[in-house]
Amino acid sequence: MAEHHLEISKLELSNNDYRKFVNSPVLNSYNQLDYANSKPLEYLTTMTLLALQPGDKILDAAGGEDAEYIKALMAVADVKFTA
């Protein structure tokens, strides 16, 4: 039987990271909440894990070009990419 090795690393997102993310005009409605809503937290987590680079392409198959996720990433990403 083949052995499989799994690398586990810790992803840390602070409350400040979250608040900075939801301050974008696209996600500002979530900023009114006094708790971390799961949707922007999901967006921030995936954006962090993706580590977007210039020229990267993003596809949100369920939402298309007008998806909140794509708009949020484009509003806060430090790089320009194609949606």
PDB file of N, CA and C in Angstrom:
ATOM      1  N   MET A   1       0.846  -1.178   0.000  1.00  0.00           N
ATOM      2  CA  MET A   1       0.000   0.000   0.000  1.00  0.00           C
ATOM      3  C   MET A   1       0.896   1.247   0.000  1.00  0.00           C
ATOM      4  N   ALA A   2       0.574   2.207  -0.843  1.00  0.00           N
ATOM      5  CA  ALA A   2       1.362   3.438  -0.959  1.00  0.00           C
ATOM      6  C   ALA A   2       1.126   4.352   0.239  1.00  0.00           C
ATOM      7  N   GLU A   3       2.207   4.988   0.656  1.00  0.00           N
ATOM      8  CA  GLU A   3       2.084   5.957   1.737  1.00  0.00           C
ATOM      9  C   GLU A   3       1.783   7.333   1.160  1.00  0.00           C
ATOM     10  N   HIS A   4       0.959   8.082   1.853  1.00  0.00           N
ATOM     11  CA  HIS A   4       0.625   9.436   1.443  1.00  0.00           C
ATOM     12  C   HIS A   4       1.064  10.398   2.537  1.00  0.00           C
ATOM     13  N   HIS A   5       1.685  11.473   2.105  1.00  0.00           N
ATOM     14  CA  HIS A   5       2.118  12.487   3.058  1.00  0.00           C
ATOM     15  C   HIS A   5       1.264  13.725   2.868  1.00  0.00           C
ATOM     16  N   LEU A   6       0.784  14.233   3.943  1.00  0.00           N
ATOM     17  CA  LEU A   6      -0.071  15.404   3.921  1.00  0.00           C
ATOM     18  C   LEU A   6       0.608  16.520   4.699  1.00  0.00           C
ATOM     19  N   GLU A   7       0.794  17.649   4.038  1.00  0.00           N
ATOM     20  CA  GLU A   7       1.384  18.798   4.708  1.00  0.00           C
ATOM     21  C   GLU A   7       0.255  19.661   5.258  1.00  0.00           C
ATOM     22  N   ILE A   8       0.338  19.975   6.506  1.00  0.00           N
ATOM     23  CA  ILE A   8      -0.672  20.807   7.155  1.00  0.00           C
ATOM     24  C   ILE A   8      -0.010  22.099   7.598  1.00  0.00           C
ATOM     25  N   SER A   9      -0.641  23.208   7.257  1.00  0.00           N
ATOM     26  CA  SER A   9      -0.137  24.494   7.707  1.00  0.00           C
ATOM     27  C   SER A   9      -1.299  25.297   8.279  1.00  0.00           C
ATOM     28  N   LYS A  10      -0.967  26.247   9.087  1.00  0.00           N
ATOM     29  CA  LYS A  10      -1.966  27.060   9.770  1.00  0.00           C
ATOM     30  C   LYS A  10      -2.196  28.358   8.997  1.00  0.00           C
ATOM     31  N   LEU A  11      -3.433  28.668   8.751  1.00  0.00           N
ATOM     32  CA  LEU A  11      -3.807  29.921   8.104  1.00  0.00           C
ATOM     33  C   LEU A  11      -4.402  30.820   9.176  1.00  0.00           C
ATOM     34  N   GLU A  12      -3.774  31.958   9.394  1.00  0.00           N
ATOM     35  CA  GLU A  12      -4.270  32.882  10.403  1.00  0.00           C
ATOM     36  C   GLU A  12      -4.836  34.125   9.737  1.00  0.00           C
ATOM     37  N   LEU A  13      -6.067  34.435  10.062  1.00  0.00           N
ATOM     38  CA  LEU A  13      -6.735  35.643   9.596  1.00  0.00           C
ATOM     39  C   LEU A  13      -7.196  36.396  10.837  1.00  0.00           C
ATOM     40  N   SER A  14      -6.729  37.599  10.977  1.00  0.00           N
ATOM     41  CA  SER A  14      -7.089  38.364  12.168  1.00  0.00           C
ATOM     42  C   SER A  14      -8.410  39.101  11.962  1.00  0.00           C
ATOM     43  N   ASN A  15      -8.954  39.576  13.059  1.00  0.00           N
ATOM     44  CA  ASN A  15     -10.154  40.400  12.992  1.00  0.00           C
ATOM     45  C   ASN A  15      -9.870  41.654  12.162  1.00  0.00           C
ATOM     46  N   ASN A  16      -8.656  42.196  12.278  1.00  0.00           N
ATOM     47  CA  ASN A  16      -8.278  43.368  11.477  1.00  0.00           C
ATOM     48  C   ASN A  16      -8.254  43.039   9.987  1.00  0.00           C
ATOM     49  N   ASP A  17      -7.748  41.851   9.626  1.00  0.00           N
ATOM     50  CA  ASP A  17      -7.761  41.419   8.221  1.00  0.00           C
ATOM     51  C   ASP A  17      -9.200  41.399   7.710  1.00  0.00           C
ATOM     52  N   TYR A  18     -10.081  40.814   8.520  1.00  0.00           N
ATOM     53  CA  TYR A  18     -11.490  40.708   8.136  1.00  0.00           C
ATOM     54  C   TYR A  18     -12.123  42.088   7.985  1.00  0.00           C
ATOM     55  N   ARG A  19     -11.924  42.958   8.980  1.00  0.00           N
ATOM     56  CA  ARG A  19     -12.535  44.293   8.942  1.00  0.00           C
ATOM     57  C   ARG A  19     -12.012  45.114   7.762  1.00  0.00           C
ATOM     58  N   LYS A  20     -10.725  45.012   7.474  1.00  0.00           N
ATOM     59  CA  LYS A  20     -10.151  45.713   6.326  1.00  0.00           C
ATOM     60  C   LYS A  20     -10.800  45.211   5.036  1.00  0.00           C
ATOM     61  N   PHE A  21     -11.000  43.907   4.938  1.00  0.00           N
ATOM     62  CA  PHE A  21     -11.603  43.300   3.759  1.00  0.00           C
ATOM     63  C   PHE A  21     -13.044  43.776   3.561  1.00  0.00           C
ATOM     64  N   VAL A  22     -13.828  43.788   4.633  1.00  0.00           N
ATOM     65  CA  VAL A  22     -15.233  44.182   4.499  1.00  0.00           C
ATOM     66  C   VAL A  22     -15.418  45.696   4.405  1.00  0.00           C
ATOM     67  N   ASN A  23     -14.357  46.456   4.519  1.00  0.00           N
ATOM     68  CA  ASN A  23     -14.452  47.899   4.304  1.00  0.00           C
ATOM     69  C   ASN A  23     -14.514  48.261   2.830  1.00  0.00           C
ATOM     70  N   SER A  24     -14.294  47.304   1.943  1.00  0.00           N
ATOM     71  CA  SER A  24     -14.397  47.601   0.513  1.00  0.00           C
ATOM     72  C   SER A  24     -15.852  47.948   0.197  1.00  0.00           C
ATOM     73  N   PRO A  25     -16.070  48.814  -0.781  1.00  0.00           N
ATOM     74  CA  PRO A  25     -17.450  49.207  -1.127  1.00  0.00           C
ATOM     75  C   PRO A  25     -18.340  48.018  -1.482  1.00  0.00           C
ATOM     76  N   VAL A  26     -17.756  46.977  -2.036  1.00  0.00           N
ATOM     77  CA  VAL A  26     -18.527  45.796  -2.451  1.00  0.00           C
ATOM     78  C   VAL A  26     -19.079  45.052  -1.237  1.00  0.00           C
ATOM     79  N   LEU A  27     -18.315  45.004  -0.161  1.00  0.00           N
ATOM     80  CA  LEU A  27     -18.709  44.215   1.013  1.00  0.00           C
ATOM     81  C   LEU A  27     -19.118  45.068   2.204  1.00  0.00           C
ATOM     82  N   ASN A  28     -19.285  46.345   1.999  1.00  0.00           N
ATOM     83  CA  ASN A  28     -19.555  47.270   3.099  1.00  0.00           C
ATOM     84  C   ASN A  28     -20.799  46.899   3.910  1.00  0.00           C
ATOM     85  N   SER A  29     -21.778  46.264   3.296  1.00  0.00           N
ATOM     86  CA  SER A  29     -22.983  45.884   4.055  1.00  0.00           C
ATOM     87  C   SER A  29     -22.647  44.899   5.179  1.00  0.00           C
ATOM     88  N   TYR A  30     -21.616  44.083   4.982  1.00  0.00           N
ATOM     89  CA  TYR A  30     -21.196  43.147   6.027  1.00  0.00           C
ATOM     90  C   TYR A  30     -20.479  43.875   7.167  1.00  0.00           C
ATOM     91  N   ASN A  31     -19.934  45.036   6.879  1.00  0.00           N
ATOM     92  CA  ASN A  31     -19.203  45.799   7.883  1.00  0.00           C
ATOM     93  C   ASN A  31     -20.120  46.298   8.994  1.00  0.00           C
ATOM     94  N   GLN A  32     -21.406  46.353   8.727  1.00  0.00           N
ATOM     95  CA  GLN A  32     -22.372  46.817   9.725  1.00  0.00           C
ATOM     96  C   GLN A  32     -22.618  45.767  10.820  1.00  0.00           C
ATOM     97  N   LEU A  33     -22.215  44.530  10.558  1.00  0.00           N
ATOM     98  CA  LEU A  33     -22.449  43.447  11.514  1.00  0.00           C
ATOM     99  C   LEU A  33     -21.380  43.459  12.596  1.00  0.00           C
ATOM    100  N   ASP A  34     -21.732  43.066  13.795  1.00  0.00           N
ATOM    101  CA  ASP A  34     -20.754  43.039  14.887  1.00  0.00           C
ATOM    102  C   ASP A  34     -20.098  41.662  15.033  1.00  0.00           C
ATOM    103  N   TYR A  35     -20.289  40.805  14.049  1.00  0.00           N
ATOM    104  CA  TYR A  35     -19.663  39.485  14.040  1.00  0.00           C
ATOM    105  C   TYR A  35     -19.126  39.218  12.629  1.00  0.00           C
ATOM    106  N   ALA A  36     -18.243  38.250  12.507  1.00  0.00           N
ATOM    107  CA  ALA A  36     -17.669  37.896  11.207  1.00  0.00           C
ATOM    108  C   ALA A  36     -18.652  36.993  10.462  1.00  0.00           C
ATOM    109  N   ASN A  37     -19.264  37.527   9.428  1.00  0.00           N
ATOM    110  CA  ASN A  37     -20.190  36.756   8.620  1.00  0.00           C
ATOM    111  C   ASN A  37     -19.420  35.729   7.806  1.00  0.00           C
ATOM    112  N   SER A  38     -20.011  34.571   7.558  1.00  0.00           N
ATOM    113  CA  SER A  38     -19.296  33.492   6.883  1.00  0.00           C
ATOM    114  C   SER A  38     -18.952  33.801   5.424  1.00  0.00           C
ATOM    115  N   LYS A  39     -19.767  34.577   4.710  1.00  0.00           N
ATOM    116  CA  LYS A  39     -19.505  34.828   3.281  1.00  0.00           C
ATOM    117  C   LYS A  39     -18.220  35.616   3.073  1.00  0.00           C
ATOM    118  N   PRO A  40     -18.053  36.817   3.653  1.00  0.00           N
ATOM    119  CA  PRO A  40     -16.791  37.518   3.446  1.00  0.00           C
ATOM    120  C   PRO A  40     -15.599  36.767   4.052  1.00  0.00           C
ATOM    121  N   LEU A  41     -15.827  36.014   5.119  1.00  0.00           N
ATOM    122  CA  LEU A  41     -14.752  35.215   5.696  1.00  0.00           C
ATOM    123  C   LEU A  41     -14.319  34.134   4.702  1.00  0.00           C
ATOM    124  N   GLU A  42     -15.274  33.542   4.022  1.00  0.00           N
ATOM    125  CA  GLU A  42     -14.979  32.566   2.961  1.00  0.00           C
ATOM    126  C   GLU A  42     -14.202  33.247   1.834  1.00  0.00           C
ATOM    127  N   TYR A  43     -14.641  34.426   1.421  1.00  0.00           N
ATOM    128  CA  TYR A  43     -13.948  35.166   0.359  1.00  0.00           C
ATOM    129  C   TYR A  43     -12.500  35.468   0.755  1.00  0.00           C
ATOM    130  N   LEU A  44     -12.319  35.983   1.968  1.00  0.00           N
ATOM    131  CA  LEU A  44     -10.988  36.352   2.443  1.00  0.00           C
ATOM    132  C   LEU A  44     -10.089  35.122   2.544  1.00  0.00           C
ATOM    133  N   THR A  45     -10.636  34.028   3.030  1.00  0.00           N
ATOM    134  CA  THR A  45      -9.867  32.789   3.152  1.00  0.00           C
ATOM    135  C   THR A  45      -9.412  32.287   1.792  1.00  0.00           C
ATOM    136  N   THR A  46     -10.339  32.227   0.835  1.00  0.00           N
ATOM    137  CA  THR A  46      -9.955  31.722  -0.487  1.00  0.00           C
ATOM    138  C   THR A  46      -8.989  32.681  -1.172  1.00  0.00           C
ATOM    139  N   MET A  47      -9.186  33.984  -1.015  1.00  0.00           N
ATOM    140  CA  MET A  47      -8.269  34.944  -1.617  1.00  0.00           C
ATOM    141  C   MET A  47      -6.863  34.763  -1.042  1.00  0.00           C
ATOM    142  N   THR A  48      -6.774  34.554   0.262  1.00  0.00           N
ATOM    143  CA  THR A  48      -5.486  34.355   0.912  1.00  0.00           C
ATOM    144  C   THR A  48      -4.833  33.061   0.434  1.00  0.00           C
ATOM    145  N   LEU A  49      -5.610  31.991   0.362  1.00  0.00           N
ATOM    146  CA  LEU A  49      -5.073  30.703  -0.077  1.00  0.00           C
ATOM    147  C   LEU A  49      -4.669  30.722  -1.548  1.00  0.00           C
ATOM    148  N   LEU A  50      -5.400  31.462  -2.369  1.00  0.00           N
ATOM    149  CA  LEU A  50      -5.081  31.529  -3.797  1.00  0.00           C
ATOM    150  C   LEU A  50      -3.793  32.289  -4.077  1.00  0.00           C
ATOM    151  N   ALA A  51      -3.450  33.229  -3.203  1.00  0.00           N
ATOM    152  CA  ALA A  51      -2.244  34.054  -3.386  1.00  0.00           C
ATOM    153  C   ALA A  51      -2.180  34.565  -4.824  1.00  0.00           C
ATOM    154  N   LEU A  52      -3.174  35.343  -5.210  1.00  0.00           N
ATOM    155  CA  LEU A  52      -3.316  35.825  -6.586  1.00  0.00           C
ATOM    156  C   LEU A  52      -2.095  36.585  -7.063  1.00  0.00           C
ATOM    157  N   GLN A  53      -1.757  36.366  -8.313  1.00  0.00           N
ATOM    158  CA  GLN A  53      -0.625  37.007  -8.958  1.00  0.00           C
ATOM    159  C   GLN A  53      -1.111  37.755 -10.192  1.00  0.00           C
ATOM    160  N   PRO A  54      -0.356  38.755 -10.655  1.00  0.00           N
ATOM    161  CA  PRO A  54      -0.750  39.475 -11.867  1.00  0.00           C
ATOM    162  C   PRO A  54      -0.973  38.504 -13.030  1.00  0.00           C
ATOM    163  N   GLY A  55      -2.070  38.711 -13.740  1.00  0.00           N
ATOM    164  CA  GLY A  55      -2.391  37.874 -14.885  1.00  0.00           C
ATOM    165  C   GLY A  55      -3.207  36.640 -14.557  1.00  0.00           C
ATOM    166  N   ASP A  56      -3.402  36.343 -13.265  1.00  0.00           N
ATOM    167  CA  ASP A  56      -4.220  35.188 -12.893  1.00  0.00           C
ATOM    168  C   ASP A  56      -5.649  35.383 -13.360  1.00  0.00           C
ATOM    169  N   LYS A  57      -6.314  34.304 -13.641  1.00  0.00           N
ATOM    170  CA  LYS A  57      -7.718  34.334 -14.048  1.00  0.00           C
ATOM    171  C   LYS A  57      -8.541  33.652 -12.957  1.00  0.00           C
ATOM    172  N   ILE A  58      -9.697  34.240 -12.674  1.00  0.00           N
ATOM    173  CA  ILE A  58     -10.595  33.718 -11.642  1.00  0.00           C
ATOM    174  C   ILE A  58     -11.922  33.365 -12.299  1.00  0.00           C
ATOM    175  N   LEU A  59     -12.450  32.194 -11.983  1.00  0.00           N
ATOM    176  CA  LEU A  59     -13.752  31.780 -12.490  1.00  0.00           C
ATOM    177  C   LEU A  59     -14.640  31.433 -11.307  1.00  0.00           C
ATOM    178  N   ASP A  60     -15.736  32.134 -11.193  1.00  0.00           N
ATOM    179  CA  ASP A  60     -16.766  31.784 -10.216  1.00  0.00           C
ATOM    180  C   ASP A  60     -17.895  31.205 -11.041  1.00  0.00           C
ATOM    181  N   ALA A  61     -17.893  29.903 -11.217  1.00  0.00           N
ATOM    182  CA  ALA A  61     -18.830  29.238 -12.125  1.00  0.00           C
ATOM    183  C   ALA A  61     -20.289  29.489 -11.749  1.00  0.00           C
ATOM    184  N   ALA A  62     -20.557  29.651 -10.482  1.00  0.00           N
ATOM    185  CA  ALA A  62     -21.933  29.872 -10.054  1.00  0.00           C
ATOM    186  C   ALA A  62     -22.374  31.316 -10.225  1.00  0.00           C
ATOM    187  N   GLY A  63     -21.427  32.250 -10.220  1.00  0.00           N
ATOM    188  CA  GLY A  63     -21.806  33.649 -10.208  1.00  0.00           C
ATOM    189  C   GLY A  63     -21.460  34.445 -11.444  1.00  0.00           C
ATOM    190  N   GLY A  64     -20.482  34.008 -12.204  1.00  0.00           N
ATOM    191  CA  GLY A  64     -20.086  34.742 -13.395  1.00  0.00           C
ATOM    192  C   GLY A  64     -19.355  36.032 -13.062  1.00  0.00           C
ATOM    193  N   GLU A  65     -19.213  36.911 -14.067  1.00  0.00           N
ATOM    194  CA  GLU A  65     -18.466  38.160 -13.906  1.00  0.00           C
ATOM    195  C   GLU A  65     -19.060  39.100 -12.872  1.00  0.00           C
ATOM    196  N   ASP A  66     -20.366  39.043 -12.656  1.00  0.00           N
ATOM    197  CA  ASP A  66     -21.018  39.960 -11.717  1.00  0.00           C
ATOM    198  C   ASP A  66     -21.138  39.389 -10.309  1.00  0.00           C
ATOM    199  N   ALA A  67     -20.480  38.291 -10.041  1.00  0.00           N
ATOM    200  CA  ALA A  67     -20.561  37.666  -8.722  1.00  0.00           C
ATOM    201  C   ALA A  67     -19.960  38.574  -7.653  1.00  0.00           C
ATOM    202  N   GLU A  68     -20.573  38.583  -6.489  1.00  0.00           N
ATOM    203  CA  GLU A  68     -20.076  39.377  -5.370  1.00  0.00           C
ATOM    204  C   GLU A  68     -18.633  38.996  -5.051  1.00  0.00           C
ATOM    205  N   TYR A  69     -18.317  37.716  -5.116  1.00  0.00           N
ATOM    206  CA  TYR A  69     -16.976  37.231  -4.831  1.00  0.00           C
ATOM    207  C   TYR A  69     -15.946  37.866  -5.760  1.00  0.00           C
ATOM    208  N   ILE A  70     -16.226  37.848  -7.047  1.00  0.00           N
ATOM    209  CA  ILE A  70     -15.303  38.417  -8.032  1.00  0.00           C
ATOM    210  C   ILE A  70     -15.155  39.922  -7.806  1.00  0.00           C
ATOM    211  N   LYS A  71     -16.260  40.609  -7.596  1.00  0.00           N
ATOM    212  CA  LYS A  71     -16.207  42.057  -7.350  1.00  0.00           C
ATOM    213  C   LYS A  71     -15.398  42.373  -6.091  1.00  0.00           C
ATOM    214  N   ALA A  72     -15.576  41.564  -5.047  1.00  0.00           N
ATOM    215  CA  ALA A  72     -14.845  41.784  -3.800  1.00  0.00           C
ATOM    216  C   ALA A  72     -13.351  41.582  -4.015  1.00  0.00           C
ATOM    217  N   LEU A  73     -12.976  40.529  -4.707  1.00  0.00           N
ATOM    218  CA  LEU A  73     -11.563  40.280  -4.956  1.00  0.00           C
ATOM    219  C   LEU A  73     -10.944  41.405  -5.771  1.00  0.00           C
ATOM    220  N   MET A  74     -11.658  41.861  -6.781  1.00  0.00           N
ATOM    221  CA  MET A  74     -11.136  42.928  -7.631  1.00  0.00           C
ATOM    222  C   MET A  74     -11.021  44.235  -6.853  1.00  0.00           C
ATOM    223  N   ALA A  75     -11.890  44.436  -5.856  1.00  0.00           N
ATOM    224  CA  ALA A  75     -11.864  45.680  -5.069  1.00  0.00           C
ATOM    225  C   ALA A  75     -10.705  45.713  -4.075  1.00  0.00           C
ATOM    226  N   VAL A  76     -10.283  44.562  -3.588  1.00  0.00           N
ATOM    227  CA  VAL A  76      -9.276  44.558  -2.521  1.00  0.00           C
ATOM    228  C   VAL A  76      -7.936  43.957  -2.914  1.00  0.00           C
ATOM    229  N   ALA A  77      -7.863  43.241  -4.026  1.00  0.00           N
ATOM    230  CA  ALA A  77      -6.602  42.612  -4.421  1.00  0.00           C
ATOM    231  C   ALA A  77      -5.552  43.662  -4.771  1.00  0.00           C
ATOM    232  N   ASP A  78      -4.342  43.369  -4.399  1.00  0.00           N
ATOM    233  CA  ASP A  78      -3.228  44.285  -4.714  1.00  0.00           C
ATOM    234  C   ASP A  78      -2.760  44.131  -6.145  1.00  0.00           C
ATOM    235  N   VAL A  79      -3.277  43.155  -6.850  1.00  0.00           N
ATOM    236  CA  VAL A  79      -2.893  42.921  -8.246  1.00  0.00           C
ATOM    237  C   VAL A  79      -4.127  43.005  -9.126  1.00  0.00           C
ATOM    238  N   LYS A  80      -3.905  43.275 -10.379  1.00  0.00           N
ATOM    239  CA  LYS A  80      -4.999  43.275 -11.348  1.00  0.00           C
ATOM    240  C   LYS A  80      -5.042  41.907 -12.009  1.00  0.00           C
ATOM    241  N   PHE A  81      -6.220  41.357 -12.142  1.00  0.00           N
ATOM    242  CA  PHE A  81      -6.367  40.054 -12.771  1.00  0.00           C
ATOM    243  C   PHE A  81      -7.632  40.034 -13.595  1.00  0.00           C
ATOM    244  N   THR A  82      -7.802  39.010 -14.390  1.00  0.00           N
ATOM    245  CA  THR A  82      -8.956  38.900 -15.279  1.00  0.00           C
ATOM    246  C   THR A  82     -10.033  38.067 -14.634  1.00  0.00           C
ATOM    247  N   ALA A  83     -11.241  38.594 -14.580  1.00  0.00           N
ATOM    248  CA  ALA A  83     -12.370  37.835 -14.034  1.00  0.00           C
ATOM    249  C   ALA A  83     -13.097  37.145 -15.167  1.00  0.00           C
TER     250      ALA A  83
END
